[in-house]
Amino acid sequence: MRSNQHEQLITGMDLRDYFRESVSTAVINQNLAIHDETIIYVVNMMTEFSRSENLYEKTSDGFMLKALALIYADALEATTAAEKNISLQRLGDIALFISGLFADSLHRSLVDVDYYIAMGGNAYACLADMTRRSVNGTTISKVFNELSEKFIELVDVLSEIGENCGISNDSNVLRLYELWMKTGSRRLARRLQELGIQPVTVTGVKQ
């Protein structure tokens, strides 16, 4: 995925304020119970990734989005706990950002949104466990734990923001149904019902 596929999310005087308001509104709209610290984390992540140089990495072929598997490999090969945490955090953040705002861009890739959700959720869960052991890690551990446990719900929050910004588009009903099958998202189920389609629960599919 090349950096020129996505323009900056929004321009303005203060992106952080815009994202804070957008995330808070989406959380309320979706009746999501989530801690303020987690909202702040998501807002900061979105603000950082709104600058393409923070999301993409420079390669011989230009700025590219590094594959999650390669970021995970970086974590496995890290020589210190701090380096491992940095790689896991980047993995979780990118997985959440892309699956929430650019799920449609994964449609023709080798992996789809369910892979991003699994990788991101697991990365945050590992971070929650690792930071819990540190002296001053109680608060951030709770944030990572909530990011892991409510990953799909936060994907829905970012998806709502993306639609409001005109970034994502769920007008393709088949793709909408496919994403629901892969994620079990309550928000996508409601959108399907609004279109007159009753999502059918299949054994093994998350709800």
Protein backbone atom coordinates (compact mmCIF):
# COMPACT_ATOMS: atom_id res chain seq x y z
CA MET A 1 0.00 0.00 0.00
CA ARG A 2 1.68 3.21 -1.18
CA SER A 3 1.44 6.52 0.64
CA ASN A 4 -0.13 8.29 -2.34
CA GLN A 5 -3.22 6.06 -2.04
CA HIS A 6 -4.45 8.05 0.92
CA GLU A 7 -4.35 11.81 1.30
CA GLN A 8 -4.01 13.34 4.75
CA LEU A 9 -7.19 12.70 6.70
CA ILE A 10 -8.17 16.31 7.21
CA THR A 11 -6.56 19.71 7.21
CA GLY A 12 -7.19 22.34 9.84
CA MET A 13 -5.75 24.41 12.64
CA ASP A 14 -5.82 21.67 15.25
CA LEU A 15 -6.15 18.05 14.19
CA ARG A 16 -5.99 16.80 17.75
CA ASP A 17 -9.09 18.76 18.76
CA TYR A 18 -10.92 17.58 15.66
CA PHE A 19 -10.11 13.94 16.32
CA ARG A 20 -10.94 14.27 20.04
CA GLU A 21 -14.39 15.58 19.18
CA SER A 22 -14.88 13.00 16.42
CA VAL A 23 -13.85 10.03 18.55
CA SER A 24 -15.94 11.19 21.52
CA THR A 25 -19.00 11.65 19.28
CA ALA A 26 -18.59 8.23 17.66
CA VAL A 27 -18.15 6.57 21.07
CA ILE A 28 -21.42 8.14 22.24
CA ASN A 29 -23.24 7.24 19.01
CA GLN A 30 -22.22 3.61 19.41
CA ASN A 31 -22.90 3.42 23.16
CA LEU A 32 -19.36 2.26 23.76
CA ALA A 33 -18.15 2.20 27.37
CA ILE A 34 -14.49 3.12 27.24
CA HIS A 35 -12.05 4.90 29.53
CA ASP A 36 -10.94 8.48 28.86
CA GLU A 37 -7.30 7.36 28.78
CA THR A 38 -8.07 5.01 25.90
CA ILE A 39 -9.86 7.76 23.98
CA ILE A 40 -6.82 10.01 24.46
CA TYR A 41 -4.57 7.21 23.18
CA VAL A 42 -6.67 6.75 20.02
CA VAL A 43 -6.79 10.50 19.41
CA ASN A 44 -3.01 10.77 19.72
CA MET A 45 -2.53 7.81 17.39
CA MET A 46 -4.80 9.31 14.74
CA THR A 47 -3.09 12.68 15.03
CA GLU A 48 0.33 11.09 14.58
CA PHE A 49 -0.68 8.98 11.57
CA SER A 50 -2.39 11.93 9.87
CA ARG A 51 1.17 12.79 8.81
CA SER A 52 2.19 10.27 6.17
CA GLU A 53 5.83 10.24 7.25
CA ASN A 54 4.73 8.76 10.58
CA LEU A 55 2.63 6.02 8.98
CA TYR A 56 4.80 4.96 6.04
CA GLU A 57 8.41 3.83 6.02
CA LYS A 58 11.06 4.75 3.49
CA THR A 59 12.17 1.89 1.23
CA SER A 60 14.07 1.56 -2.04
CA ASP A 61 10.68 1.69 -3.80
CA GLY A 62 9.59 4.83 -1.98
CA PHE A 63 7.43 5.30 1.11
CA MET A 64 5.46 2.14 1.82
CA LEU A 65 3.26 0.76 4.56
CA LYS A 66 5.25 -2.02 6.21
CA ALA A 67 3.50 -5.39 6.37
CA LEU A 68 2.23 -6.35 9.81
CA ALA A 69 4.10 -9.65 9.64
CA LEU A 70 7.38 -7.76 9.19
CA ILE A 71 6.63 -5.47 12.12
CA TYR A 72 5.88 -8.56 14.20
CA ALA A 73 9.20 -10.03 13.08
CA ASP A 74 10.89 -6.84 14.31
CA ALA A 75 9.29 -7.43 17.71
CA LEU A 76 10.51 -11.03 17.82
CA GLU A 77 14.02 -10.00 16.86
CA ALA A 78 14.20 -7.08 19.33
CA THR A 79 17.15 -7.27 21.70
CA THR A 80 15.49 -5.29 24.51
CA ALA A 81 12.03 -5.16 26.04
CA ALA A 82 11.73 -1.48 25.09
CA GLU A 83 12.42 -2.23 21.41
CA LYS A 84 9.92 -5.09 21.46
CA ASN A 85 7.27 -2.84 22.98
CA ILE A 86 7.84 -0.18 20.33
CA SER A 87 7.35 -2.69 17.51
CA LEU A 88 4.27 -4.24 19.10
CA GLN A 89 2.75 -0.82 19.70
CA ARG A 90 3.35 0.20 16.10
CA LEU A 91 1.81 -3.07 14.93
CA GLY A 92 -1.31 -2.54 17.03
CA ASP A 93 -1.64 1.12 16.06
CA ILE A 94 -1.27 0.52 12.32
CA ALA A 95 -3.67 -2.43 12.44
CA LEU A 96 -6.31 -0.32 14.19
CA PHE A 97 -5.78 2.72 11.96
CA ILE A 98 -5.97 0.82 8.67
CA SER A 99 -8.79 -1.58 9.60
CA GLY A 100 -10.83 1.31 10.97
CA LEU A 101 -10.31 3.92 8.27
CA PHE A 102 -9.17 2.01 5.19
CA ALA A 103 -10.70 -1.47 5.37
CA ASP A 104 -11.78 -1.21 1.72
CA SER A 105 -8.13 -0.88 0.69
CA LEU A 106 -7.51 -4.42 2.00
CA HIS A 107 -10.14 -5.98 -0.26
CA ARG A 108 -7.71 -6.98 -2.99
CA SER A 109 -4.67 -7.57 -0.79
CA LEU A 110 -3.36 -10.92 0.41
CA VAL A 111 -4.86 -10.30 3.86
CA ASP A 112 -8.18 -8.74 4.83
CA VAL A 113 -9.52 -6.84 7.80
CA ASP A 114 -9.94 -9.93 10.00
CA TYR A 115 -6.17 -10.50 9.82
CA TYR A 116 -5.52 -6.89 10.82
CA ILE A 117 -7.95 -7.19 13.72
CA ALA A 118 -6.34 -10.40 14.97
CA MET A 119 -2.80 -9.05 14.68
CA GLY A 120 -3.65 -5.71 16.26
CA GLY A 121 -5.63 -7.19 19.13
CA ASN A 122 -2.89 -9.69 19.93
CA ALA A 123 -0.20 -7.01 19.81
CA TYR A 124 -2.09 -4.84 22.31
CA ALA A 125 -2.72 -7.88 24.54
CA CYS A 126 1.02 -8.62 24.63
CA LEU A 127 1.73 -4.99 25.48
CA ALA A 128 -0.83 -5.06 28.27
CA ASP A 129 0.89 -8.10 29.78
CA MET A 130 4.41 -6.72 29.40
CA THR A 131 3.67 -3.24 30.74
CA ARG A 132 1.71 -4.68 33.67
CA ARG A 133 4.99 -6.05 35.00
CA SER A 134 6.73 -2.66 35.01
CA VAL A 135 6.84 -0.38 38.02
CA ASN A 136 4.90 2.49 36.46
CA GLY A 137 2.94 0.53 33.87
CA THR A 138 -0.46 0.18 35.54
CA THR A 139 -2.29 2.91 33.62
CA ILE A 140 -0.86 2.19 30.17
CA SER A 141 -1.38 -1.53 30.76
CA LYS A 142 -5.11 -0.88 31.31
CA VAL A 143 -5.21 1.16 28.11
CA PHE A 144 -3.54 -1.59 26.06
CA ASN A 145 -5.85 -4.17 27.63
CA GLU A 146 -8.92 -2.16 26.64
CA LEU A 147 -7.54 -1.60 23.14
CA SER A 148 -7.17 -5.37 22.83
CA GLU A 149 -10.54 -6.34 24.30
CA LYS A 150 -12.51 -3.67 22.39
CA PHE A 151 -10.50 -3.67 19.17
CA ILE A 152 -13.49 -4.39 16.92
CA GLU A 153 -15.59 -1.73 18.66
CA LEU A 154 -12.78 0.81 18.14
CA VAL A 155 -12.55 -0.20 14.49
CA ASP A 156 -16.24 0.74 14.30
CA VAL A 157 -15.51 4.10 15.95
CA LEU A 158 -12.81 4.90 13.39
CA SER A 159 -15.04 3.66 10.55
CA GLU A 160 -17.76 6.12 11.55
CA ILE A 161 -15.22 8.93 11.56
CA GLY A 162 -13.92 7.83 8.16
CA GLU A 163 -17.40 7.87 6.68
CA ASN A 164 -18.08 11.33 8.07
CA CYS A 165 -14.82 12.54 6.50
CA GLY A 166 -15.60 10.82 3.20
CA ILE A 167 -12.59 8.51 3.60
CA SER A 168 -14.37 5.18 3.64
CA ASN A 169 -17.43 4.06 1.76
CA ASP A 170 -19.73 1.19 2.72
CA SER A 171 -22.03 1.61 -0.28
CA ASN A 172 -20.98 -1.76 -1.73
CA VAL A 173 -23.45 -4.09 -0.03
CA LEU A 174 -21.53 -7.28 -0.79
CA ARG A 175 -18.36 -5.81 0.68
CA LEU A 176 -20.34 -4.57 3.68
CA TYR A 177 -21.69 -8.06 4.29
CA GLU A 178 -18.22 -9.57 3.79
CA LEU A 179 -16.73 -7.21 6.39
CA TRP A 180 -19.51 -8.10 8.83
CA MET A 181 -18.83 -11.82 8.29
CA LYS A 182 -15.13 -11.29 9.01
CA THR A 183 -15.51 -9.02 12.05
CA GLY A 184 -18.91 -9.60 13.62
CA SER A 185 -19.21 -5.82 13.97
CA ARG A 186 -22.49 -4.72 15.58
CA ARG A 187 -22.28 -1.45 13.68
CA LEU A 188 -22.05 -3.20 10.31
CA ALA A 189 -24.94 -5.47 11.30
CA ARG A 190 -27.07 -2.38 11.95
CA ARG A 191 -26.10 -0.89 8.60
CA LEU A 192 -27.09 -4.10 6.83
CA GLN A 193 -30.42 -4.11 8.63
CA GLU A 194 -30.98 -0.50 7.55
CA LEU A 195 -30.52 -1.74 3.97
CA GLY A 196 -33.13 -4.43 4.52
CA ILE A 197 -30.63 -7.26 4.94
CA GLN A 198 -30.76 -9.47 8.03
CA PRO A 199 -27.24 -10.69 8.91
CA VAL A 200 -27.24 -14.44 9.45
CA THR A 201 -25.06 -15.77 12.24
CA VAL A 202 -22.71 -18.52 11.10
CA THR A 203 -20.98 -20.89 13.50
CA GLY A 204 -17.43 -19.75 14.14
CA VAL A 205 -18.05 -16.12 13.22
CA LYS A 206 -17.45 -13.53 15.97
CA GLN A 207 -20.44 -11.67 17.35
